[in-house]
Amino acid sequence: MITNQAKAALFAVLLFAFGAAVGALGHRYYAATVVSAKAPTAEEWRSKYINEMRAKLKLNQHQVDELQVILDETKARFRAARESHHPEMVRIKDDQLTKVKALLSPEQVSQYEAIVAERERQAKEQDDHDRQDEARQREIHLKALAGK
């Protein structure tokens, strides 16, 4: 016959096992519902946009070609506007960096500079990637125009 102390120990072990199982299932459910979506590239977005416009508006090929030209011009205008504001944006960013460094200890400043350097590296990689996408898109567009 099992004593009350043994029953209590068995109950505690079973309770622990069920808690661990519920925790594992809960973590699995949480991990499965988290979405790690990747933002579309400029080329993917453009292709999707053109296909959507073609399908919904029933554009003919001439209209699609004109839409391509409009998108190219708009992109160029946005780039020019962004570049004209770039010096002011750099001054604002530098001002922020100076102010943040002023409130940090010397050890924190070196860590902060490493964080800033990593973010700038990531931004440069993204910018390079965007430029490559734009060059590929221009090449595709020019080949399509030449094929007419």
N, C-alpha and C. Protein backbone atom coordinates (compact mmCIF):
# COMPACT_ATOMS: atom_id res chain seq x y z
N MET A 1 0.84 -1.18 0.00
CA MET A 1 0.00 0.00 0.00
C MET A 1 0.89 1.24 0.00
N ILE A 2 0.47 2.26 -0.77
CA ILE A 2 1.25 3.49 -0.91
C ILE A 2 0.89 4.43 0.24
N THR A 3 1.91 5.00 0.85
CA THR A 3 1.68 5.93 1.95
C THR A 3 1.28 7.30 1.42
N ASN A 4 0.75 8.12 2.28
CA ASN A 4 0.34 9.48 1.90
C ASN A 4 1.51 10.30 1.40
N GLN A 5 2.68 10.08 1.99
CA GLN A 5 3.87 10.82 1.57
C GLN A 5 4.26 10.43 0.15
N ALA A 6 4.17 9.16 -0.20
CA ALA A 6 4.49 8.69 -1.54
C ALA A 6 3.47 9.22 -2.55
N LYS A 7 2.20 9.24 -2.13
CA LYS A 7 1.15 9.77 -3.01
C LYS A 7 1.40 11.26 -3.30
N ALA A 8 1.79 11.99 -2.29
CA ALA A 8 2.06 13.41 -2.45
C ALA A 8 3.25 13.63 -3.39
N ALA A 9 4.27 12.82 -3.25
CA ALA A 9 5.45 12.93 -4.12
C ALA A 9 5.08 12.59 -5.55
N LEU A 10 4.29 11.54 -5.75
CA LEU A 10 3.84 11.15 -7.09
C LEU A 10 2.98 12.26 -7.71
N PHE A 11 2.11 12.84 -6.91
CA PHE A 11 1.26 13.94 -7.38
C PHE A 11 2.12 15.14 -7.79
N ALA A 12 3.13 15.45 -7.01
CA ALA A 12 4.02 16.58 -7.32
C ALA A 12 4.76 16.33 -8.63
N VAL A 13 5.24 15.12 -8.84
CA VAL A 13 5.96 14.78 -10.07
C VAL A 13 5.02 14.89 -11.27
N LEU A 14 3.81 14.33 -11.14
CA LEU A 14 2.83 14.41 -12.23
C LEU A 14 2.45 15.87 -12.53
N LEU A 15 2.27 16.66 -11.50
CA LEU A 15 1.93 18.07 -11.68
C LEU A 15 3.04 18.81 -12.40
N PHE A 16 4.28 18.52 -12.03
CA PHE A 16 5.43 19.13 -12.69
C PHE A 16 5.48 18.71 -14.16
N ALA A 17 5.27 17.43 -14.45
CA ALA A 17 5.31 16.92 -15.83
C ALA A 17 4.21 17.57 -16.67
N PHE A 18 3.02 17.68 -16.14
CA PHE A 18 1.94 18.33 -16.89
C PHE A 18 2.24 19.81 -17.12
N GLY A 19 2.82 20.47 -16.15
CA GLY A 19 3.20 21.88 -16.31
C GLY A 19 4.24 22.06 -17.40
N ALA A 20 5.22 21.15 -17.42
CA ALA A 20 6.25 21.22 -18.46
C ALA A 20 5.64 20.98 -19.84
N ALA A 21 4.71 20.01 -19.92
CA ALA A 21 4.06 19.73 -21.20
C ALA A 21 3.23 20.92 -21.68
N VAL A 22 2.48 21.53 -20.79
CA VAL A 22 1.69 22.70 -21.15
C VAL A 22 2.61 23.86 -21.57
N GLY A 23 3.71 24.04 -20.88
CA GLY A 23 4.66 25.09 -21.25
C GLY A 23 5.27 24.85 -22.62
N ALA A 24 5.63 23.60 -22.90
CA ALA A 24 6.21 23.27 -24.21
C ALA A 24 5.19 23.49 -25.32
N LEU A 25 3.97 23.07 -25.11
CA LEU A 25 2.93 23.27 -26.12
C LEU A 25 2.63 24.76 -26.31
N GLY A 26 2.60 25.49 -25.22
CA GLY A 26 2.37 26.93 -25.31
C GLY A 26 3.46 27.62 -26.10
N HIS A 27 4.71 27.25 -25.85
CA HIS A 27 5.83 27.84 -26.58
C HIS A 27 5.75 27.47 -28.06
N ARG A 28 5.40 26.22 -28.34
CA ARG A 28 5.28 25.80 -29.74
C ARG A 28 4.19 26.59 -30.44
N TYR A 29 3.05 26.78 -29.78
CA TYR A 29 1.95 27.55 -30.37
C TYR A 29 2.39 28.99 -30.61
N TYR A 30 3.06 29.60 -29.64
CA TYR A 30 3.52 30.98 -29.78
C TYR A 30 4.51 31.10 -30.92
N ALA A 31 5.47 30.20 -31.00
CA ALA A 31 6.49 30.24 -32.05
C ALA A 31 5.87 30.03 -33.42
N ALA A 32 4.84 29.22 -33.51
CA ALA A 32 4.20 28.94 -34.80
C ALA A 32 3.37 30.12 -35.29
N THR A 33 2.87 30.97 -34.39
CA THR A 33 2.02 32.08 -34.80
C THR A 33 2.80 33.35 -35.10
N VAL A 34 4.08 33.38 -34.74
CA VAL A 34 4.90 34.55 -35.02
C VAL A 34 5.27 34.53 -36.50
N VAL A 35 4.99 35.61 -37.20
CA VAL A 35 5.25 35.68 -38.63
C VAL A 35 6.58 36.39 -38.85
N SER A 36 7.42 35.79 -39.66
CA SER A 36 8.66 36.47 -40.01
C SER A 36 8.58 36.80 -41.49
N ALA A 37 7.85 37.85 -41.79
CA ALA A 37 7.65 38.24 -43.18
C ALA A 37 8.82 39.09 -43.66
N LYS A 38 9.20 38.85 -44.89
CA LYS A 38 10.27 39.62 -45.50
C LYS A 38 9.63 40.67 -46.38
N ALA A 39 10.08 41.88 -46.26
CA ALA A 39 9.53 42.95 -47.09
C ALA A 39 9.90 42.69 -48.55
N PRO A 40 8.95 42.95 -49.45
CA PRO A 40 9.26 42.73 -50.87
C PRO A 40 10.32 43.72 -51.36
N THR A 41 11.10 43.27 -52.32
CA THR A 41 12.08 44.16 -52.92
C THR A 41 11.34 45.16 -53.79
N ALA A 42 12.03 46.20 -54.20
CA ALA A 42 11.41 47.20 -55.08
C ALA A 42 10.97 46.55 -56.38
N GLU A 43 11.76 45.63 -56.87
CA GLU A 43 11.43 44.94 -58.12
C GLU A 43 10.17 44.08 -57.95
N GLU A 44 10.07 43.37 -56.82
CA GLU A 44 8.89 42.54 -56.56
C GLU A 44 7.64 43.41 -56.42
N TRP A 45 7.77 44.52 -55.68
CA TRP A 45 6.63 45.41 -55.50
C TRP A 45 6.16 45.96 -56.85
N ARG A 46 7.09 46.40 -57.66
CA ARG A 46 6.76 46.99 -58.95
C ARG A 46 6.07 45.97 -59.85
N SER A 47 6.61 44.78 -59.89
CA SER A 47 6.01 43.73 -60.71
C SER A 47 4.59 43.42 -60.25
N LYS A 48 4.40 43.31 -58.95
CA LYS A 48 3.07 43.05 -58.40
C LYS A 48 2.12 44.20 -58.74
N TYR A 49 2.59 45.43 -58.58
CA TYR A 49 1.76 46.60 -58.87
C TYR A 49 1.34 46.63 -60.34
N ILE A 50 2.28 46.39 -61.23
CA ILE A 50 1.98 46.42 -62.67
C ILE A 50 1.01 45.30 -63.03
N ASN A 51 1.23 44.12 -62.49
CA ASN A 51 0.32 43.00 -62.76
C ASN A 51 -1.09 43.28 -62.24
N GLU A 52 -1.16 43.88 -61.06
CA GLU A 52 -2.46 44.23 -60.49
C GLU A 52 -3.17 45.27 -61.36
N MET A 53 -2.43 46.30 -61.78
CA MET A 53 -3.03 47.33 -62.64
C MET A 53 -3.46 46.73 -63.98
N ARG A 54 -2.64 45.86 -64.54
CA ARG A 54 -2.96 45.21 -65.81
C ARG A 54 -4.24 44.38 -65.68
N ALA A 55 -4.33 43.62 -64.59
CA ALA A 55 -5.48 42.74 -64.41
C ALA A 55 -6.77 43.51 -64.09
N LYS A 56 -6.70 44.43 -63.15
CA LYS A 56 -7.91 45.13 -62.70
C LYS A 56 -8.40 46.16 -63.71
N LEU A 57 -7.46 46.82 -64.40
CA LEU A 57 -7.85 47.87 -65.34
C LEU A 57 -7.82 47.38 -66.79
N LYS A 58 -7.40 46.14 -66.98
CA LYS A 58 -7.31 45.55 -68.32
C LYS A 58 -6.49 46.44 -69.26
N LEU A 59 -5.27 46.77 -68.80
CA LEU A 59 -4.38 47.63 -69.57
C LEU A 59 -3.87 46.88 -70.80
N ASN A 60 -3.73 47.61 -71.91
CA ASN A 60 -3.08 47.01 -73.07
C ASN A 60 -1.57 47.21 -72.92
N GLN A 61 -0.80 46.64 -73.85
CA GLN A 61 0.66 46.69 -73.72
C GLN A 61 1.20 48.12 -73.77
N HIS A 62 0.60 48.95 -74.61
CA HIS A 62 1.04 50.35 -74.70
C HIS A 62 0.84 51.05 -73.35
N GLN A 63 -0.30 50.81 -72.70
CA GLN A 63 -0.56 51.42 -71.40
C GLN A 63 0.41 50.91 -70.34
N VAL A 64 0.74 49.62 -70.40
CA VAL A 64 1.71 49.07 -69.46
C VAL A 64 3.07 49.72 -69.66
N ASP A 65 3.47 49.90 -70.91
CA ASP A 65 4.75 50.56 -71.20
C ASP A 65 4.75 51.99 -70.68
N GLU A 66 3.67 52.70 -70.86
CA GLU A 66 3.56 54.08 -70.36
C GLU A 66 3.59 54.10 -68.83
N LEU A 67 2.93 53.12 -68.21
CA LEU A 67 2.95 53.01 -66.75
C LEU A 67 4.38 52.79 -66.27
N GLN A 68 5.15 51.97 -66.98
CA GLN A 68 6.56 51.74 -66.64
C GLN A 68 7.33 53.06 -66.66
N VAL A 69 7.09 53.86 -67.70
CA VAL A 69 7.78 55.15 -67.82
C VAL A 69 7.39 56.07 -66.66
N ILE A 70 6.10 56.10 -66.34
CA ILE A 70 5.62 56.93 -65.22
C ILE A 70 6.28 56.51 -63.92
N LEU A 71 6.37 55.19 -63.68
CA LEU A 71 7.00 54.70 -62.45
C LEU A 71 8.48 55.05 -62.42
N ASP A 72 9.15 54.96 -63.57
CA ASP A 72 10.57 55.34 -63.63
C ASP A 72 10.76 56.82 -63.31
N GLU A 73 9.91 57.66 -63.89
CA GLU A 73 10.01 59.10 -63.64
C GLU A 73 9.72 59.43 -62.18
N THR A 74 8.73 58.78 -61.61
CA THR A 74 8.37 59.03 -60.21
C THR A 74 9.52 58.62 -59.29
N LYS A 75 10.11 57.47 -59.59
CA LYS A 75 11.24 57.01 -58.78
C LYS A 75 12.40 58.01 -58.85
N ALA A 76 12.66 58.51 -60.05
CA ALA A 76 13.75 59.49 -60.22
C ALA A 76 13.45 60.77 -59.44
N ARG A 77 12.22 61.21 -59.46
CA ARG A 77 11.85 62.43 -58.73
C ARG A 77 11.98 62.22 -57.22
N PHE A 78 11.54 61.06 -56.74
CA PHE A 78 11.68 60.76 -55.31
C PHE A 78 13.15 60.72 -54.91
N ARG A 79 13.97 60.09 -55.76
CA ARG A 79 15.40 60.01 -55.46
C ARG A 79 16.01 61.41 -55.41
N ALA A 80 15.65 62.27 -56.36
CA ALA A 80 16.18 63.63 -56.38
C ALA A 80 15.76 64.39 -55.13
N ALA A 81 14.50 64.23 -54.73
CA ALA A 81 14.03 64.91 -53.52
C ALA A 81 14.77 64.39 -52.30
N ARG A 82 14.96 63.08 -52.23
CA ARG A 82 15.67 62.49 -51.09
C ARG A 82 17.11 62.98 -51.04
N GLU A 83 17.76 63.05 -52.20
CA GLU A 83 19.16 63.49 -52.24
C GLU A 83 19.29 64.98 -51.92
N SER A 84 18.31 65.78 -52.31
CA SER A 84 18.40 67.21 -52.00
C SER A 84 18.24 67.47 -50.50
N HIS A 85 17.54 66.58 -49.81
CA HIS A 85 17.36 66.74 -48.37
C HIS A 85 18.43 65.98 -47.57
N HIS A 86 19.24 65.22 -48.24
CA HIS A 86 20.23 64.39 -47.56
C HIS A 86 21.19 65.17 -46.66
N PRO A 87 21.77 66.30 -47.12
CA PRO A 87 22.69 67.03 -46.24
C PRO A 87 22.05 67.46 -44.91
N GLU A 88 20.81 67.91 -44.97
CA GLU A 88 20.12 68.33 -43.75
C GLU A 88 19.86 67.12 -42.85
N MET A 89 19.51 66.00 -43.45
CA MET A 89 19.26 64.78 -42.67
C MET A 89 20.55 64.32 -41.98
N VAL A 90 21.67 64.44 -42.66
CA VAL A 90 22.97 64.07 -42.06
C VAL A 90 23.28 64.98 -40.88
N ARG A 91 23.02 66.28 -41.03
CA ARG A 91 23.27 67.22 -39.92
C ARG A 91 22.38 66.86 -38.71
N ILE A 92 21.12 66.53 -38.96
CA ILE A 92 20.22 66.15 -37.86
C ILE A 92 20.72 64.89 -37.17
N LYS A 93 21.13 63.90 -37.96
CA LYS A 93 21.63 62.64 -37.40
C LYS A 93 22.90 62.87 -36.60
N ASP A 94 23.82 63.69 -37.13
CA ASP A 94 25.06 63.98 -36.41
C ASP A 94 24.78 64.71 -35.09
N ASP A 95 23.80 65.61 -35.11
CA ASP A 95 23.42 66.32 -33.89
C ASP A 95 22.90 65.33 -32.85
N GLN A 96 22.08 64.37 -33.30
CA GLN A 96 21.57 63.35 -32.38
C GLN A 96 22.71 62.53 -31.79
N LEU A 97 23.64 62.10 -32.64
CA LEU A 97 24.77 61.30 -32.16
C LEU A 97 25.58 62.06 -31.12
N THR A 98 25.82 63.33 -31.37
CA THR A 98 26.60 64.16 -30.43
C THR A 98 25.88 64.26 -29.09
N LYS A 99 24.59 64.49 -29.13
CA LYS A 99 23.81 64.63 -27.88
C LYS A 99 23.77 63.32 -27.10
N VAL A 100 23.58 62.20 -27.82
CA VAL A 100 23.53 60.91 -27.13
C VAL A 100 24.89 60.60 -26.50
N LYS A 101 25.98 60.84 -27.23
CA LYS A 101 27.32 60.58 -26.70
C LYS A 101 27.60 61.43 -25.47
N ALA A 102 27.05 62.65 -25.44
CA ALA A 102 27.29 63.54 -24.31
C ALA A 102 26.68 63.00 -23.01
N LEU A 103 25.63 62.21 -23.11
CA LEU A 103 25.00 61.71 -21.89
C LEU A 103 25.54 60.35 -21.46
N LEU A 104 26.39 59.74 -22.28
CA LEU A 104 26.91 58.40 -21.98
C LEU A 104 28.28 58.46 -21.32
N SER A 105 28.59 57.37 -20.59
CA SER A 105 29.92 57.24 -20.01
C SER A 105 30.88 56.84 -21.13
N PRO A 106 32.21 56.98 -20.91
CA PRO A 106 33.18 56.60 -21.96
C PRO A 106 33.00 55.15 -22.44
N GLU A 107 32.73 54.24 -21.51
CA GLU A 107 32.52 52.84 -21.90
C GLU A 107 31.27 52.71 -22.77
N GLN A 108 30.21 53.41 -22.38
CA GLN A 108 28.97 53.36 -23.15
C GLN A 108 29.14 53.98 -24.53
N VAL A 109 29.98 55.02 -24.62
CA VAL A 109 30.21 55.68 -25.90
C VAL A 109 30.81 54.69 -26.90
N SER A 110 31.77 53.90 -26.47
CA SER A 110 32.39 52.94 -27.39
C SER A 110 31.38 51.88 -27.82
N GLN A 111 30.53 51.44 -26.90
CA GLN A 111 29.49 50.48 -27.25
C GLN A 111 28.48 51.12 -28.21
N TYR A 112 28.12 52.36 -27.93
CA TYR A 112 27.16 53.07 -28.77
C TYR A 112 27.72 53.25 -30.18
N GLU A 113 28.99 53.58 -30.28
CA GLU A 113 29.61 53.74 -31.60
C GLU A 113 29.59 52.43 -32.38
N ALA A 114 29.76 51.32 -31.68
CA ALA A 114 29.69 50.01 -32.34
C ALA A 114 28.27 49.75 -32.85
N ILE A 115 27.28 50.10 -32.05
CA ILE A 115 25.87 49.93 -32.47
C ILE A 115 25.58 50.80 -33.70
N VAL A 116 26.02 52.04 -33.65
CA VAL A 116 25.79 52.96 -34.77
C VAL A 116 26.49 52.45 -36.03
N ALA A 117 27.71 51.96 -35.88
CA ALA A 117 28.46 51.45 -37.03
C ALA A 117 27.73 50.26 -37.65
N GLU A 118 27.20 49.37 -36.82
CA GLU A 118 26.47 48.21 -37.33
C GLU A 118 25.20 48.65 -38.07
N ARG A 119 24.48 49.59 -37.51
CA ARG A 119 23.26 50.08 -38.18
C ARG A 119 23.60 50.77 -39.51
N GLU A 120 24.68 51.51 -39.53
CA GLU A 120 25.09 52.16 -40.78
C GLU A 120 25.51 51.13 -41.83
N ARG A 121 26.16 50.07 -41.38
CA ARG A 121 26.54 49.00 -42.31
C ARG A 121 25.29 48.34 -42.90
N GLN A 122 24.30 48.07 -42.04
CA GLN A 122 23.05 47.47 -42.52
C GLN A 122 22.32 48.40 -43.49
N ALA A 123 22.31 49.69 -43.18
CA ALA A 123 21.64 50.65 -44.06
C ALA A 123 22.35 50.72 -45.41
N LYS A 124 23.69 50.68 -45.39
CA LYS A 124 24.44 50.71 -46.64
C LYS A 124 24.16 49.46 -47.47
N GLU A 125 24.11 48.30 -46.81
CA GLU A 125 23.80 47.07 -47.53
C GLU A 125 22.42 47.16 -48.17
N GLN A 126 21.44 47.69 -47.43
CA GLN A 126 20.09 47.82 -47.97
C GLN A 126 20.08 48.79 -49.14
N ASP A 127 20.81 49.89 -49.02
CA ASP A 127 20.88 50.87 -50.10
C ASP A 127 21.53 50.26 -51.34
N ASP A 128 22.61 49.50 -51.14
CA ASP A 128 23.26 48.83 -52.27
C ASP A 128 22.31 47.84 -52.93
N HIS A 129 21.57 47.11 -52.10
CA HIS A 129 20.61 46.14 -52.62
C HIS A 129 19.51 46.85 -53.42
N ASP A 130 19.02 47.96 -52.89
CA ASP A 130 17.98 48.73 -53.60
C ASP A 130 18.50 49.24 -54.94
N ARG A 131 19.73 49.71 -54.95
CA ARG A 131 20.30 50.20 -56.22
C ARG A 131 20.46 49.07 -57.23
N GLN A 132 20.85 47.89 -56.77
CA GLN A 132 20.95 46.75 -57.67
C GLN A 132 19.58 46.37 -58.22
N ASP A 133 18.56 46.41 -57.37
CA ASP A 133 17.20 46.12 -57.82
C ASP A 133 16.76 47.13 -58.88
N GLU A 134 17.07 48.40 -58.63
CA GLU A 134 16.70 49.44 -59.60
C GLU A 134 17.41 49.22 -60.93
N ALA A 135 18.69 48.87 -60.88
CA ALA A 135 19.44 48.63 -62.11
C ALA A 135 18.87 47.45 -62.88
N ARG A 136 18.53 46.38 -62.16
CA ARG A 136 17.92 45.22 -62.82
C ARG A 136 16.58 45.60 -63.45
N GLN A 137 15.79 46.39 -62.72
CA GLN A 137 14.48 46.80 -63.23
C GLN A 137 14.63 47.65 -64.48
N ARG A 138 15.60 48.58 -64.47
CA ARG A 138 15.84 49.41 -65.66
C ARG A 138 16.25 48.54 -66.85
N GLU A 139 17.12 47.57 -66.57
CA GLU A 139 17.59 46.68 -67.63
C GLU A 139 16.42 45.89 -68.22
N ILE A 140 15.56 45.36 -67.38
CA ILE A 140 14.39 44.60 -67.84
C ILE A 140 13.49 45.50 -68.68
N HIS A 141 13.28 46.72 -68.18
CA HIS A 141 12.41 47.67 -68.88
C HIS A 141 13.00 48.04 -70.23
N LEU A 142 14.29 48.30 -70.28
CA LEU A 142 14.92 48.67 -71.55
C LEU A 142 14.90 47.51 -72.55
N LYS A 143 15.07 46.29 -72.06
CA LYS A 143 14.99 45.13 -72.95
C LYS A 143 13.56 44.98 -73.50
N ALA A 144 12.57 45.25 -72.64
CA ALA A 144 11.19 45.15 -73.09
C ALA A 144 10.89 46.20 -74.16
N LEU A 145 11.42 47.40 -73.96
CA LEU A 145 11.21 48.47 -74.96
C LEU A 145 11.93 48.16 -76.25
N ALA A 146 13.13 47.58 -76.15
CA ALA A 146 13.91 47.26 -77.35
C ALA A 146 13.30 46.10 -78.12
N GLY A 147 12.56 45.25 -77.43
CA GLY A 147 11.96 44.09 -78.07
C GLY A 147 10.72 44.41 -78.90
N LYS A 148 10.26 45.64 -78.85
CA LYS A 148 9.06 46.02 -79.60
C LYS A 148 9.35 46.13 -81.07
